[in-house]
């Protein structure tokens, strides 16, 4: 678990995760959580993908594809969304690692 002054509890597909987030990014994190949860729920509802890890990977791929198609994932500088997408990806990976660790215990 993240023990940080900026630790935030989020819920994705009825699972609780703790992620680090600066205060000025919490609104964006909340929007990201809602969007990711929606995408993962859509994938889960098809019944074609089983397991939260696989659902998360498929949702990540779909979101990355959408970002690339819209041109927002082009990393052309410090103010582009590329670094923000990498940070979000890191947060998702940390949350999934925490989930896997909790499942093993």
Protein backbone atom coordinates (compact mmCIF):
# COMPACT_ATOMS: atom_id res chain seq x y z
CA UNK A 1 0.00 0.00 0.00
CA UNK A 2 1.21 3.50 -0.76
CA UNK A 3 1.85 5.47 2.44
CA UNK A 4 2.04 8.96 1.06
CA UNK A 5 0.48 12.31 1.89
CA UNK A 6 -0.82 12.30 -1.68
CA UNK A 7 -2.25 8.77 -1.57
CA UNK A 8 -5.74 8.55 -3.00
CA UNK A 9 -8.16 5.63 -2.79
CA UNK A 10 -9.79 4.77 -6.13
CA UNK A 11 -12.25 2.08 -7.22
CA UNK A 12 -11.98 0.32 -10.57
CA UNK A 13 -14.40 -2.52 -11.32
CA UNK A 14 -15.38 -2.83 -7.65
CA UNK A 15 -11.73 -3.15 -6.61
CA UNK A 16 -10.04 -0.64 -4.35
CA UNK A 17 -6.59 0.71 -5.15
CA UNK A 18 -4.32 3.28 -3.53
CA UNK A 19 -2.43 5.53 -5.93
CA UNK A 20 -0.19 8.51 -5.47
CA UNK A 21 -1.60 11.72 -6.91
CA UNK A 22 -0.71 15.39 -6.46
CA UNK A 23 -3.59 17.48 -5.12
CA UNK A 24 -3.84 19.49 -8.33
CA UNK A 25 -4.27 16.28 -10.39
CA UNK A 26 -7.06 14.65 -8.35
CA UNK A 27 -9.85 15.90 -10.61
CA UNK A 28 -8.06 14.49 -13.67
CA UNK A 29 -7.44 11.22 -11.82
CA UNK A 30 -11.13 10.94 -10.96
CA UNK A 31 -12.05 11.50 -14.61
CA UNK A 32 -9.47 8.91 -15.68
CA UNK A 33 -10.82 6.39 -13.17
CA UNK A 34 -14.38 6.90 -14.42
CA UNK A 35 -13.30 6.55 -18.05
CA UNK A 36 -11.15 3.46 -17.41
CA UNK A 37 -13.88 1.82 -15.33
CA UNK A 38 -16.38 2.45 -18.12
CA UNK A 39 -14.06 0.92 -20.74
CA UNK A 40 -13.25 -2.08 -18.55
CA UNK A 41 -16.95 -2.62 -17.79
CA UNK A 42 -17.74 -2.59 -21.51
CA UNK A 43 -15.07 -5.22 -22.14
CA UNK A 44 -16.15 -7.37 -19.20
CA UNK A 45 -19.80 -7.24 -20.31
CA UNK A 46 -18.94 -8.88 -23.64
CA UNK A 47 -17.90 -12.03 -21.78
CA UNK A 48 -15.06 -12.56 -24.28
CA UNK A 49 -12.26 -11.47 -21.93
CA UNK A 50 -11.87 -13.07 -18.51
CA UNK A 51 -9.69 -11.84 -15.65
CA UNK A 52 -9.10 -8.32 -14.44
CA UNK A 53 -5.53 -8.25 -15.78
CA UNK A 54 -6.63 -9.12 -19.29
CA UNK A 55 -9.55 -6.71 -19.13
CA UNK A 56 -7.19 -3.95 -17.98
CA UNK A 57 -4.73 -4.67 -20.80
CA UNK A 58 -7.49 -4.65 -23.41
CA UNK A 59 -8.91 -1.40 -22.01
CA UNK A 60 -5.42 0.13 -22.01
CA UNK A 61 -4.87 -0.90 -25.60
CA UNK A 62 -8.25 0.50 -26.63
CA UNK A 63 -7.61 3.80 -24.84
CA UNK A 64 -4.11 4.09 -26.31
CA UNK A 65 -5.50 3.40 -29.78
CA UNK A 66 -8.17 6.06 -29.33
CA UNK A 67 -5.55 8.56 -28.13
CA UNK A 68 -3.31 7.83 -31.11
CA UNK A 69 -6.19 8.05 -33.54
CA UNK A 70 -7.23 11.41 -32.11
CA UNK A 71 -3.66 12.68 -32.28
CA UNK A 72 -3.52 13.37 -28.55
CA UNK A 73 -0.85 10.75 -27.85
CA UNK A 74 1.79 12.33 -30.04
CA UNK A 75 4.67 13.17 -27.73
CA UNK A 76 5.88 16.42 -29.23
CA UNK A 77 7.06 18.18 -26.11
CA UNK A 78 6.81 18.69 -22.40
CA UNK A 79 3.25 20.01 -22.57
CA UNK A 80 1.94 17.13 -24.70
CA UNK A 81 -0.22 14.36 -23.35
CA UNK A 82 2.51 11.74 -23.88
CA UNK A 83 4.06 12.26 -20.43
CA UNK A 84 0.61 12.31 -18.82
CA UNK A 85 -0.32 9.04 -20.52
CA UNK A 86 2.92 7.47 -19.31
CA UNK A 87 2.18 8.64 -15.76
CA UNK A 88 -1.35 7.24 -15.95
CA UNK A 89 0.03 3.96 -17.28
CA UNK A 90 2.48 3.84 -14.35
CA UNK A 91 -0.37 4.42 -11.91
CA UNK A 92 -2.43 1.66 -13.49
CA UNK A 93 0.52 -0.74 -13.36
CA UNK A 94 1.10 0.08 -9.68
CA UNK A 95 -2.57 -0.47 -8.87
CA UNK A 96 -2.63 -3.79 -10.70
CA UNK A 97 0.57 -4.90 -8.97
CA UNK A 98 -1.01 -4.07 -5.61
CA UNK A 99 -4.13 -6.00 -6.61
CA UNK A 100 -2.09 -9.05 -7.66
CA UNK A 101 -0.12 -8.92 -4.41
CA UNK A 102 -3.32 -8.72 -2.35
CA UNK A 103 -4.80 -11.66 -4.27
CA UNK A 104 -1.70 -13.75 -3.50
CA UNK A 105 -2.00 -13.10 0.26
